[in-house]
């Protein structure tokens, strides 16, 4: 598998989204792109909510009111981040220079970690065990890590590539519960910084 597998995976993902949109009747009859319209509406709605939060924060008279506004506004997550958090399992078949490959993505909670494998339980109840190789990228809390750094209870996303002969674990990305909760604090800080 060449270094361009990430690009190929991205193109495959875009194709899968386009096919899903067509399959679910998302293609406009009048030539308008409803996905682009939805994206624009989402951006405009988010900007309006952020402006409203800032105005309410500035108008608040007490520290308690400001704290309540910060907490409420921090829960308004970005729609793409929410969609990524809902991922449970996906398979995409993409064309490569050497033929075809299937990209397999699983996400869930780590239930066990041993010297050479990791087991996760997906939200749909399925258990998945993977064994990383020497070329597997392992990250925890957005930093490079080793498999031994990952603990039971961490949220994890695993990306594997099946080229028809072998299935290779390309990426294991774990987020500890503390770091996942910290996303809200980072969102709040960014929201009120401007």
Foldseek 3Di string as FASTA:
>chain_A
DDPCVVVQVVVQVVVVVVVVCVVVVQQDPVRDRVVVVVVVVLVVVLVVLLVVLQVQLVPDDDPVSNVVSLLVSLPPDRPVVVVVVPDAWDWTWTADPVGIKIKIKGKAFWADADPFKTWGATPVGDIDIDGADPQAFEEELNHGDDSVVDDGGWIWMWIWMGPPPDIHTHYIYTYHPVSVVCSSVVSSCVSNVD
